Amino acid sequence: MNTPSTALHEISIAHSPDSDDAFMFYGLATNKVRVPGYKFTHVLSDIEALNHRAINEAFYDVTAISFHAYPYLQDRYTLMACGGSVGETYGPMIVAPRRITLDEVKKLRIAVPGTLTTAYLTLKLFAPDIETVTIPFDKIIPAVVAGEFDAGLIIHEGQLTYASDGLVKILDLGVWWREQTGLPLPLGGNAIRRSLGKEVMETTTQALRDSIQHALDHREEALSYAMQFARDLDPVLANRFVGMYVNERTLDYGPDGREAIKKLLDMGFERGIIPHRANVDFVG
């Protein structure tokens, strides 16, 4: 008698080497969350590199992306309904060595972490004609301190540490976005390859949601694991940073979160920053 074969689904997951992503994927990465018939492998890479790779190669089954990148890869990927980073009246910041007005900053040369980041999209919505230069996100604060740029657009842990480097906040784009739209600022999410098929996409999405829930339910252990990716943040700041971007909204965007994603991308298209309209859809 032949027994039916049980195929193993090997799912590649690419995400940033950041404490919030590490916290989110803690359950899956440490096998605390398991799915029969599925094996998950993890690849760590800078978010801008992941944006470009998803657009050019569609190599990974699941990949972290900036929402700004979604219109460029929407034919091959759809968004997972969980795993997003959403700023509740906070987000990427423009920082500088001295206080300057918002009118002044629009005329400056500013370092940005990549033209596919949501930080860049939001900056261009705020100041369409601002001059930007792309450098790695973790080099922006040192470059501004060294006087190589008039100001910098910072993401990740820099949002909590810029003052210790003698920089001042000129504008929090999460606050600006809330004032403009009344919505939270959706920054990044996880996308999954459409070619996997409905069942695998839904099972994988639920696995990620279970991993997020496991981390929230076992916060101390998950945070201890995430500290290895915290880029020298002390535990108090790391806990604060993780709390900013892994919370109930990470389990589900909510109606206003989904509306915010669509509005952000629609505005980008209408202002000529994104060349074609996004068709936003979700799994799970």
C-alpha atoms as a PDB file:
ATOM      1  CA  MET A   1       0.000   0.000   0.000  1.00  0.00           C
ATOM      2  CA  ASN A   2       1.363   3.381  -0.998  1.00  0.00           C
ATOM      3  CA  THR A   3       1.204   6.076   1.633  1.00  0.00           C
ATOM      4  CA  PRO A   4       0.637   9.630   0.397  1.00  0.00           C
ATOM      5  CA  SER A   5       3.767  11.734   0.369  1.00  0.00           C
ATOM      6  CA  THR A   6       3.915  14.746   2.657  1.00  0.00           C
ATOM      7  CA  ALA A   7       5.683  17.477   0.749  1.00  0.00           C
ATOM      8  CA  LEU A   8       7.696  19.908   2.824  1.00  0.00           C
ATOM      9  CA  HIS A   9       7.097  23.548   2.035  1.00  0.00           C
ATOM     10  CA  GLU A  10      10.381  25.427   2.417  1.00  0.00           C
ATOM     11  CA  ILE A  11       9.595  29.103   2.850  1.00  0.00           C
ATOM     12  CA  SER A  12      12.383  31.679   2.624  1.00  0.00           C
ATOM     13  CA  ILE A  13      11.837  34.794   4.748  1.00  0.00           C
ATOM     14  CA  ALA A  14      13.953  37.922   4.277  1.00  0.00           C
ATOM     15  CA  HIS A  15      13.875  40.770   6.757  1.00  0.00           C
ATOM     16  CA  SER A  16      16.019  43.520   8.214  1.00  0.00           C
ATOM     17  CA  PRO A  17      18.629  42.852  10.917  1.00  0.00           C
ATOM     18  CA  ASP A  18      16.772  45.154  13.311  1.00  0.00           C
ATOM     19  CA  SER A  19      15.546  44.576  16.832  1.00  0.00           C
ATOM     20  CA  ASP A  20      11.885  45.057  15.908  1.00  0.00           C
ATOM     21  CA  ASP A  21      12.037  42.542  13.032  1.00  0.00           C
ATOM     22  CA  ALA A  22      14.014  40.103  15.193  1.00  0.00           C
ATOM     23  CA  PHE A  23      11.375  40.434  17.913  1.00  0.00           C
ATOM     24  CA  MET A  24       8.591  39.838  15.384  1.00  0.00           C
ATOM     25  CA  PHE A  25      10.192  36.729  13.903  1.00  0.00           C
ATOM     26  CA  TYR A  26      11.458  35.358  17.238  1.00  0.00           C
ATOM     27  CA  GLY A  27       8.879  32.574  17.378  1.00  0.00           C
ATOM     28  CA  LEU A  28       9.628  31.285  13.881  1.00  0.00           C
ATOM     29  CA  ALA A  29      13.399  31.824  13.975  1.00  0.00           C
ATOM     30  CA  THR A  30      13.781  29.866  17.225  1.00  0.00           C
ATOM     31  CA  ASN A  31      11.206  27.152  16.359  1.00  0.00           C
ATOM     32  CA  LYS A  32       8.974  28.194  19.237  1.00  0.00           C
ATOM     33  CA  VAL A  33       6.273  28.448  16.573  1.00  0.00           C
ATOM     34  CA  ARG A  34       6.110  25.473  14.231  1.00  0.00           C
ATOM     35  CA  VAL A  35       3.858  24.577  11.344  1.00  0.00           C
ATOM     36  CA  PRO A  36       3.633  20.900  10.302  1.00  0.00           C
ATOM     37  CA  GLY A  37       4.903  20.458   6.759  1.00  0.00           C
ATOM     38  CA  TYR A  38       6.641  23.830   6.681  1.00  0.00           C
ATOM     39  CA  LYS A  39      10.269  24.821   7.119  1.00  0.00           C
ATOM     40  CA  PHE A  40      11.152  28.509   7.420  1.00  0.00           C
ATOM     41  CA  THR A  41      14.611  29.857   6.622  1.00  0.00           C
ATOM     42  CA  HIS A  42      15.625  33.419   7.447  1.00  0.00           C
ATOM     43  CA  VAL A  43      17.837  35.826   5.508  1.00  0.00           C
ATOM     44  CA  LEU A  44      18.868  39.182   6.957  1.00  0.00           C
ATOM     45  CA  SER A  45      19.472  42.231   4.776  1.00  0.00           C
ATOM     46  CA  ASP A  46      19.068  46.011   4.769  1.00  0.00           C
ATOM     47  CA  ILE A  47      15.536  47.100   3.850  1.00  0.00           C
ATOM     48  CA  GLU A  48      16.551  49.080   0.771  1.00  0.00           C
ATOM     49  CA  ALA A  49      18.457  46.067  -0.551  1.00  0.00           C
ATOM     50  CA  LEU A  50      15.366  43.936   0.055  1.00  0.00           C
ATOM     51  CA  ASN A  51      13.203  46.459  -1.790  1.00  0.00           C
ATOM     52  CA  HIS A  52      15.406  46.270  -4.874  1.00  0.00           C
ATOM     53  CA  ARG A  53      15.771  42.507  -4.756  1.00  0.00           C
ATOM     54  CA  ALA A  54      12.005  41.988  -4.508  1.00  0.00           C
ATOM     55  CA  ILE A  55      11.473  44.247  -7.515  1.00  0.00           C
ATOM     56  CA  ASN A  56      14.236  42.817  -9.671  1.00  0.00           C
ATOM     57  CA  GLU A  57      14.299  39.138  -8.735  1.00  0.00           C
ATOM     58  CA  ALA A  58      11.300  38.163  -6.575  1.00  0.00           C
ATOM     59  CA  PHE A  59      13.766  35.761  -4.994  1.00  0.00           C
ATOM     60  CA  TYR A  60      12.328  35.313  -1.487  1.00  0.00           C
ATOM     61  CA  ASP A  61       8.950  33.783  -0.657  1.00  0.00           C
ATOM     62  CA  VAL A  62       8.341  36.343   2.085  1.00  0.00           C
ATOM     63  CA  THR A  63      10.178  39.636   2.216  1.00  0.00           C
ATOM     64  CA  ALA A  64      10.082  42.743   4.324  1.00  0.00           C
ATOM     65  CA  ILE A  65       9.481  45.786   2.116  1.00  0.00           C
ATOM     66  CA  SER A  66       8.933  49.486   2.421  1.00  0.00           C
ATOM     67  CA  PHE A  67       5.362  50.313   1.446  1.00  0.00           C
ATOM     68  CA  HIS A  68       6.774  52.752  -1.099  1.00  0.00           C
ATOM     69  CA  ALA A  69       8.218  49.747  -2.964  1.00  0.00           C
ATOM     70  CA  TYR A  70       4.924  47.870  -3.168  1.00  0.00           C
ATOM     71  CA  PRO A  71       3.606  49.361  -6.465  1.00  0.00           C
ATOM     72  CA  TYR A  72       6.792  48.193  -8.193  1.00  0.00           C
ATOM     73  CA  LEU A  73       6.402  44.557  -7.100  1.00  0.00           C
ATOM     74  CA  GLN A  74       2.636  44.158  -6.743  1.00  0.00           C
ATOM     75  CA  ASP A  75       2.341  41.877  -9.782  1.00  0.00           C
ATOM     76  CA  ARG A  76       4.439  39.192  -8.059  1.00  0.00           C
ATOM     77  CA  TYR A  77       3.767  39.868  -4.382  1.00  0.00           C
ATOM     78  CA  THR A  78       0.788  40.687  -2.220  1.00  0.00           C
ATOM     79  CA  LEU A  79       0.848  42.156   1.280  1.00  0.00           C
ATOM     80  CA  MET A  80       0.460  40.032   4.370  1.00  0.00           C
ATOM     81  CA  ALA A  81      -2.224  41.362   6.697  1.00  0.00           C
ATOM     82  CA  CYS A  82       0.205  41.228   9.626  1.00  0.00           C
ATOM     83  CA  GLY A  83       3.831  42.089  10.265  1.00  0.00           C
ATOM     84  CA  GLY A  84       3.712  45.782   9.474  1.00  0.00           C
ATOM     85  CA  SER A  85       5.483  48.690  11.117  1.00  0.00           C
ATOM     86  CA  VAL A  86       3.127  51.614  11.630  1.00  0.00           C
ATOM     87  CA  GLY A  87       3.957  54.947  13.238  1.00  0.00           C
ATOM     88  CA  GLU A  88       1.318  56.318  15.595  1.00  0.00           C
ATOM     89  CA  THR A  89       2.164  60.035  15.328  1.00  0.00           C
ATOM     90  CA  TYR A  90       5.840  59.162  14.976  1.00  0.00           C
ATOM     91  CA  GLY A  91       8.070  58.007  12.164  1.00  0.00           C
ATOM     92  CA  PRO A  92      11.127  58.996  10.120  1.00  0.00           C
ATOM     93  CA  MET A  93      12.679  62.270  11.219  1.00  0.00           C
ATOM     94  CA  ILE A  94      14.583  65.099   9.619  1.00  0.00           C
ATOM     95  CA  VAL A  95      17.477  65.992  11.925  1.00  0.00           C
ATOM     96  CA  ALA A  96      20.200  68.614  11.677  1.00  0.00           C
ATOM     97  CA  PRO A  97      23.067  70.056  13.743  1.00  0.00           C
ATOM     98  CA  ARG A  98      21.082  73.237  14.414  1.00  0.00           C
ATOM     99  CA  ARG A  99      17.510  74.419  14.510  1.00  0.00           C
ATOM    100  CA  ILE A 100      16.204  75.492  11.105  1.00  0.00           C
ATOM    101  CA  THR A 101      12.738  76.317   9.840  1.00  0.00           C
ATOM    102  CA  LEU A 102      10.675  73.984   7.678  1.00  0.00           C
ATOM    103  CA  ASP A 103      10.941  76.449   4.804  1.00  0.00           C
ATOM    104  CA  GLU A 104      14.726  76.420   5.152  1.00  0.00           C
ATOM    105  CA  VAL A 105      14.991  72.628   5.270  1.00  0.00           C
ATOM    106  CA  LYS A 106      13.145  72.351   1.945  1.00  0.00           C
ATOM    107  CA  LYS A 107      16.093  74.157   0.317  1.00  0.00           C
ATOM    108  CA  LEU A 108      18.826  72.009   1.856  1.00  0.00           C
ATOM    109  CA  ARG A 109      20.770  68.963   0.681  1.00  0.00           C
ATOM    110  CA  ILE A 110      19.626  66.056   2.792  1.00  0.00           C
ATOM    111  CA  ALA A 111      20.900  62.494   3.243  1.00  0.00           C
ATOM    112  CA  VAL A 112      18.226  59.794   2.824  1.00  0.00           C
ATOM    113  CA  PRO A 113      18.286  56.019   3.395  1.00  0.00           C
ATOM    114  CA  GLY A 114      17.060  55.039  -0.087  1.00  0.00           C
ATOM    115  CA  THR A 115      14.613  56.209  -2.719  1.00  0.00           C
ATOM    116  CA  LEU A 116      12.320  53.206  -2.273  1.00  0.00           C
ATOM    117  CA  THR A 117      11.892  53.699   1.467  1.00  0.00           C
ATOM    118  CA  THR A 118       8.608  55.029   2.794  1.00  0.00           C
ATOM    119  CA  ALA A 119      10.665  57.656   4.595  1.00  0.00           C
ATOM    120  CA  TYR A 120      11.747  59.021   1.200  1.00  0.00           C
ATOM    121  CA  LEU A 121       8.200  58.927  -0.192  1.00  0.00           C
ATOM    122  CA  THR A 122       6.845  60.824   2.806  1.00  0.00           C
ATOM    123  CA  LEU A 123       9.692  63.346   2.584  1.00  0.00           C
ATOM    124  CA  LYS A 124       8.874  64.012  -1.090  1.00  0.00           C
ATOM    125  CA  LEU A 125       5.194  64.459  -0.223  1.00  0.00           C
ATOM    126  CA  PHE A 126       6.284  67.055   2.330  1.00  0.00           C
ATOM    127  CA  ALA A 127       8.906  68.766   0.132  1.00  0.00           C
ATOM    128  CA  PRO A 128       8.687  67.703  -3.545  1.00  0.00           C
ATOM    129  CA  ASP A 129      11.714  69.711  -4.680  1.00  0.00           C
ATOM    130  CA  ILE A 130      14.119  68.898  -1.849  1.00  0.00           C
ATOM    131  CA  GLU A 131      17.598  67.755  -2.923  1.00  0.00           C
ATOM    132  CA  THR A 132      18.470  64.285  -1.638  1.00  0.00           C
ATOM    133  CA  VAL A 133      21.519  62.021  -1.631  1.00  0.00           C
ATOM    134  CA  THR A 134      21.199  58.311  -0.794  1.00  0.00           C
ATOM    135  CA  ILE A 135      23.606  56.773   1.705  1.00  0.00           C
ATOM    136  CA  PRO A 136      23.256  53.721   4.006  1.00  0.00           C
ATOM    137  CA  PHE A 137      20.780  54.454   6.798  1.00  0.00           C
ATOM    138  CA  ASP A 138      23.330  53.800   9.560  1.00  0.00           C
ATOM    139  CA  LYS A 139      25.775  56.310   8.021  1.00  0.00           C
ATOM    140  CA  ILE A 140      23.318  59.232   7.979  1.00  0.00           C
ATOM    141  CA  ILE A 141      23.769  60.467  11.552  1.00  0.00           C
ATOM    142  CA  PRO A 142      27.614  60.313  11.407  1.00  0.00           C
ATOM    143  CA  ALA A 143      27.589  62.085   8.023  1.00  0.00           C
ATOM    144  CA  VAL A 144      25.369  64.902   9.306  1.00  0.00           C
ATOM    145  CA  VAL A 145      27.498  65.249  12.461  1.00  0.00           C
ATOM    146  CA  ALA A 146      30.605  65.441  10.262  1.00  0.00           C
ATOM    147  CA  GLY A 147      29.065  68.268   8.236  1.00  0.00           C
ATOM    148  CA  GLU A 148      28.828  66.285   4.990  1.00  0.00           C
ATOM    149  CA  PHE A 149      25.111  67.074   4.753  1.00  0.00           C
ATOM    150  CA  ASP A 150      22.933  69.913   5.989  1.00  0.00           C
ATOM    151  CA  ALA A 151      20.395  67.463   7.398  1.00  0.00           C
ATOM    152  CA  GLY A 152      19.501  63.782   7.408  1.00  0.00           C
ATOM    153  CA  LEU A 153      16.378  61.668   7.164  1.00  0.00           C
ATOM    154  CA  ILE A 154      16.682  59.013   9.856  1.00  0.00           C
ATOM    155  CA  ILE A 155      14.899  55.687  10.360  1.00  0.00           C
ATOM    156  CA  HIS A 156      15.211  52.711  12.719  1.00  0.00           C
ATOM    157  CA  GLU A 157      16.909  53.183  16.092  1.00  0.00           C
ATOM    158  CA  GLY A 158      18.314  56.572  15.129  1.00  0.00           C
ATOM    159  CA  GLN A 159      14.889  57.990  15.951  1.00  0.00           C
ATOM    160  CA  LEU A 160      15.731  57.405  19.619  1.00  0.00           C
ATOM    161  CA  THR A 161      19.459  58.218  19.639  1.00  0.00           C
ATOM    162  CA  TYR A 162      19.991  61.304  17.436  1.00  0.00           C
ATOM    163  CA  ALA A 163      20.041  63.739  20.376  1.00  0.00           C
ATOM    164  CA  SER A 164      22.991  61.923  21.970  1.00  0.00           C
ATOM    165  CA  ASP A 165      24.960  62.807  18.819  1.00  0.00           C
ATOM    166  CA  GLY A 166      24.176  66.491  19.240  1.00  0.00           C
ATOM    167  CA  LEU A 167      21.500  66.670  16.546  1.00  0.00           C
ATOM    168  CA  VAL A 168      18.097  68.323  16.806  1.00  0.00           C
ATOM    169  CA  LYS A 169      14.781  67.221  15.357  1.00  0.00           C
ATOM    170  CA  ILE A 170      13.480  69.479  12.601  1.00  0.00           C
ATOM    171  CA  LEU A 171      10.392  67.473  11.699  1.00  0.00           C
ATOM    172  CA  ASP A 172       8.860  64.119  12.581  1.00  0.00           C
ATOM    173  CA  LEU A 173       7.183  62.983   9.377  1.00  0.00           C
ATOM    174  CA  GLY A 174       4.818  60.745  11.347  1.00  0.00           C
ATOM    175  CA  VAL A 175       3.452  63.840  13.089  1.00  0.00           C
ATOM    176  CA  TRP A 176       3.259  65.750   9.788  1.00  0.00           C
ATOM    177  CA  TRP A 177       1.412  62.848   8.115  1.00  0.00           C
ATOM    178  CA  ARG A 178      -1.117  62.637  10.968  1.00  0.00           C
ATOM    179  CA  GLU A 179      -1.758  66.384  10.669  1.00  0.00           C
ATOM    180  CA  GLN A 180      -2.294  66.043   6.912  1.00  0.00           C
ATOM    181  CA  THR A 181      -4.463  62.917   6.896  1.00  0.00           C
ATOM    182  CA  GLY A 182      -5.610  62.040  10.409  1.00  0.00           C
ATOM    183  CA  LEU A 183      -4.071  58.596   9.892  1.00  0.00           C
ATOM    184  CA  PRO A 184      -1.075  56.636  11.252  1.00  0.00           C
ATOM    185  CA  LEU A 185       1.978  56.439   8.982  1.00  0.00           C
ATOM    186  CA  PRO A 186       2.491  52.933   7.509  1.00  0.00           C
ATOM    187  CA  LEU A 187       6.216  52.423   6.995  1.00  0.00           C
ATOM    188  CA  GLY A 188       6.981  48.822   6.141  1.00  0.00           C
ATOM    189  CA  GLY A 189       5.306  45.484   5.835  1.00  0.00           C
ATOM    190  CA  ASN A 190       5.818  41.930   4.722  1.00  0.00           C
ATOM    191  CA  ALA A 191       4.987  40.751   1.229  1.00  0.00           C
ATOM    192  CA  ILE A 192       4.492  37.177   0.035  1.00  0.00           C
ATOM    193  CA  ARG A 193       4.897  35.697  -3.436  1.00  0.00           C
ATOM    194  CA  ARG A 194       1.572  35.195  -5.210  1.00  0.00           C
ATOM    195  CA  SER A 195       2.892  32.127  -7.039  1.00  0.00           C
ATOM    196  CA  LEU A 196       2.900  30.157  -3.764  1.00  0.00           C
ATOM    197  CA  GLY A 197      -0.863  29.787  -4.077  1.00  0.00           C
ATOM    198  CA  LYS A 198      -3.719  30.682  -1.751  1.00  0.00           C
ATOM    199  CA  GLU A 199      -3.298  27.880   0.799  1.00  0.00           C
ATOM    200  CA  VAL A 200       0.453  28.346   1.307  1.00  0.00           C
ATOM    201  CA  MET A 201       0.110  32.129   1.434  1.00  0.00           C
ATOM    202  CA  GLU A 202      -2.609  31.901   4.093  1.00  0.00           C
ATOM    203  CA  THR A 203      -0.755  29.285   6.173  1.00  0.00           C
ATOM    204  CA  THR A 204       2.485  31.296   6.055  1.00  0.00           C
ATOM    205  CA  THR A 205       0.682  34.504   6.986  1.00  0.00           C
ATOM    206  CA  GLN A 206      -0.916  32.799   9.964  1.00  0.00           C
ATOM    207  CA  ALA A 207       2.509  31.468  10.990  1.00  0.00           C
ATOM    208  CA  LEU A 208       3.866  35.021  11.038  1.00  0.00           C
ATOM    209  CA  ARG A 209       0.895  36.233  13.041  1.00  0.00           C
ATOM    210  CA  ASP A 210       1.457  33.397  15.529  1.00  0.00           C
ATOM    211  CA  SER A 211       5.152  34.371  15.761  1.00  0.00           C
ATOM    212  CA  ILE A 212       4.248  37.992  16.523  1.00  0.00           C
ATOM    213  CA  GLN A 213       1.719  36.907  19.138  1.00  0.00           C
ATOM    214  CA  HIS A 214       4.252  34.545  20.717  1.00  0.00           C
ATOM    215  CA  ALA A 215       6.756  37.401  21.049  1.00  0.00           C
ATOM    216  CA  LEU A 216       4.158  39.708  22.578  1.00  0.00           C
ATOM    217  CA  ASP A 217       3.139  36.948  25.005  1.00  0.00           C
ATOM    218  CA  HIS A 218       6.779  36.158  25.898  1.00  0.00           C
ATOM    219  CA  ARG A 219       8.140  39.674  25.748  1.00  0.00           C
ATOM    220  CA  GLU A 220      11.162  39.242  28.019  1.00  0.00           C
ATOM    221  CA  GLU A 221      12.517  36.228  26.138  1.00  0.00           C
ATOM    222  CA  ALA A 222      11.779  37.732  22.729  1.00  0.00           C
ATOM    223  CA  LEU A 223      13.400  41.014  23.695  1.00  0.00           C
ATOM    224  CA  SER A 224      16.487  39.197  24.979  1.00  0.00           C
ATOM    225  CA  TYR A 225      16.753  37.497  21.570  1.00  0.00           C
ATOM    226  CA  ALA A 226      16.199  40.798  19.740  1.00  0.00           C
ATOM    227  CA  MET A 227      18.935  42.593  21.712  1.00  0.00           C
ATOM    228  CA  GLN A 228      21.618  41.032  19.500  1.00  0.00           C
ATOM    229  CA  PHE A 229      20.211  43.173  16.665  1.00  0.00           C
ATOM    230  CA  ALA A 230      19.721  46.362  18.704  1.00  0.00           C
ATOM    231  CA  ARG A 231      22.804  48.239  17.393  1.00  0.00           C
ATOM    232  CA  ASP A 232      24.124  49.205  20.816  1.00  0.00           C
ATOM    233  CA  LEU A 233      20.781  50.379  22.215  1.00  0.00           C
ATOM    234  CA  ASP A 234      20.506  49.777  25.940  1.00  0.00           C
ATOM    235  CA  PRO A 235      17.699  47.411  26.999  1.00  0.00           C
ATOM    236  CA  VAL A 236      15.370  50.265  28.011  1.00  0.00           C
ATOM    237  CA  LEU A 237      15.641  51.987  24.633  1.00  0.00           C
ATOM    238  CA  ALA A 238      15.472  48.677  22.775  1.00  0.00           C
ATOM    239  CA  ASN A 239      12.262  47.814  24.595  1.00  0.00           C
ATOM    240  CA  ARG A 240      10.865  51.227  23.709  1.00  0.00           C
ATOM    241  CA  PHE A 241      11.856  50.883  20.053  1.00  0.00           C
ATOM    242  CA  VAL A 242      10.347  47.414  19.754  1.00  0.00           C
ATOM    243  CA  GLY A 243       7.157  48.680  21.377  1.00  0.00           C
ATOM    244  CA  MET A 244       6.917  51.451  18.794  1.00  0.00           C
ATOM    245  CA  TYR A 245       6.860  49.040  15.877  1.00  0.00           C
ATOM    246  CA  VAL A 246       5.662  45.659  17.195  1.00  0.00           C
ATOM    247  CA  ASN A 247       2.257  45.946  18.827  1.00  0.00           C
ATOM    248  CA  GLU A 248      -1.434  45.252  18.174  1.00  0.00           C
ATOM    249  CA  ARG A 249      -1.151  46.917  14.768  1.00  0.00           C
ATOM    250  CA  THR A 250       1.546  44.433  13.846  1.00  0.00           C
ATOM    251  CA  LEU A 251      -0.979  41.642  14.368  1.00  0.00           C
ATOM    252  CA  ASP A 252      -3.476  43.469  12.158  1.00  0.00           C
ATOM    253  CA  TYR A 253      -3.300  46.886  10.503  1.00  0.00           C
ATOM    254  CA  GLY A 254      -6.906  47.677  11.351  1.00  0.00           C
ATOM    255  CA  PRO A 255      -9.268  49.548   8.997  1.00  0.00           C
ATOM    256  CA  ASP A 256      -7.488  52.892   9.396  1.00  0.00           C
ATOM    257  CA  GLY A 257      -4.094  51.238   8.923  1.00  0.00           C
ATOM    258  CA  ARG A 258      -5.208  49.695   5.647  1.00  0.00           C
ATOM    259  CA  GLU A 259      -6.733  52.997   4.600  1.00  0.00           C
ATOM    260  CA  ALA A 260      -3.430  54.721   5.409  1.00  0.00           C
ATOM    261  CA  ILE A 261      -1.451  52.340   3.170  1.00  0.00           C
ATOM    262  CA  LYS A 262      -3.788  53.009   0.255  1.00  0.00           C
ATOM    263  CA  LYS A 263      -3.822  56.763   0.858  1.00  0.00           C
ATOM    264  CA  LEU A 264      -0.025  56.975   1.080  1.00  0.00           C
ATOM    265  CA  LEU A 265       0.437  55.163  -2.224  1.00  0.00           C
ATOM    266  CA  ASP A 266      -2.425  57.018  -3.934  1.00  0.00           C
ATOM    267  CA  MET A 267      -0.888  60.349  -2.904  1.00  0.00           C
ATOM    268  CA  GLY A 268       2.489  59.209  -4.188  1.00  0.00           C
ATOM    269  CA  PHE A 269       0.931  58.403  -7.562  1.00  0.00           C
ATOM    270  CA  GLU A 270      -1.121  61.586  -7.738  1.00  0.00           C
ATOM    271  CA  ARG A 271       1.940  63.733  -6.946  1.00  0.00           C
ATOM    272  CA  GLY A 272       4.000  62.002  -9.634  1.00  0.00           C
ATOM    273  CA  ILE A 273       6.422  60.296  -7.221  1.00  0.00           C
ATOM    274  CA  ILE A 274       5.161  56.772  -8.041  1.00  0.00           C
ATOM    275  CA  PRO A 275       4.683  56.072 -11.765  1.00  0.00           C
ATOM    276  CA  HIS A 276       1.612  53.846 -11.542  1.00  0.00           C
ATOM    277  CA  ARG A 277      -1.291  53.370  -9.140  1.00  0.00           C
ATOM    278  CA  ALA A 278      -1.049  50.690  -6.477  1.00  0.00           C
ATOM    279  CA  ASN A 279      -3.627  47.918  -6.245  1.00  0.00           C
ATOM    280  CA  VAL A 280      -3.409  47.147  -2.538  1.00  0.00           C
ATOM    281  CA  ASP A 281      -4.545  43.701  -1.444  1.00  0.00           C
ATOM    282  CA  PHE A 282      -3.836  41.509   1.562  1.00  0.00           C
ATOM    283  CA  VAL A 283      -3.531  37.841   2.547  1.00  0.00           C
ATOM    284  CA  GLY A 284      -4.997  36.810   5.872  1.00  0.00           C
END
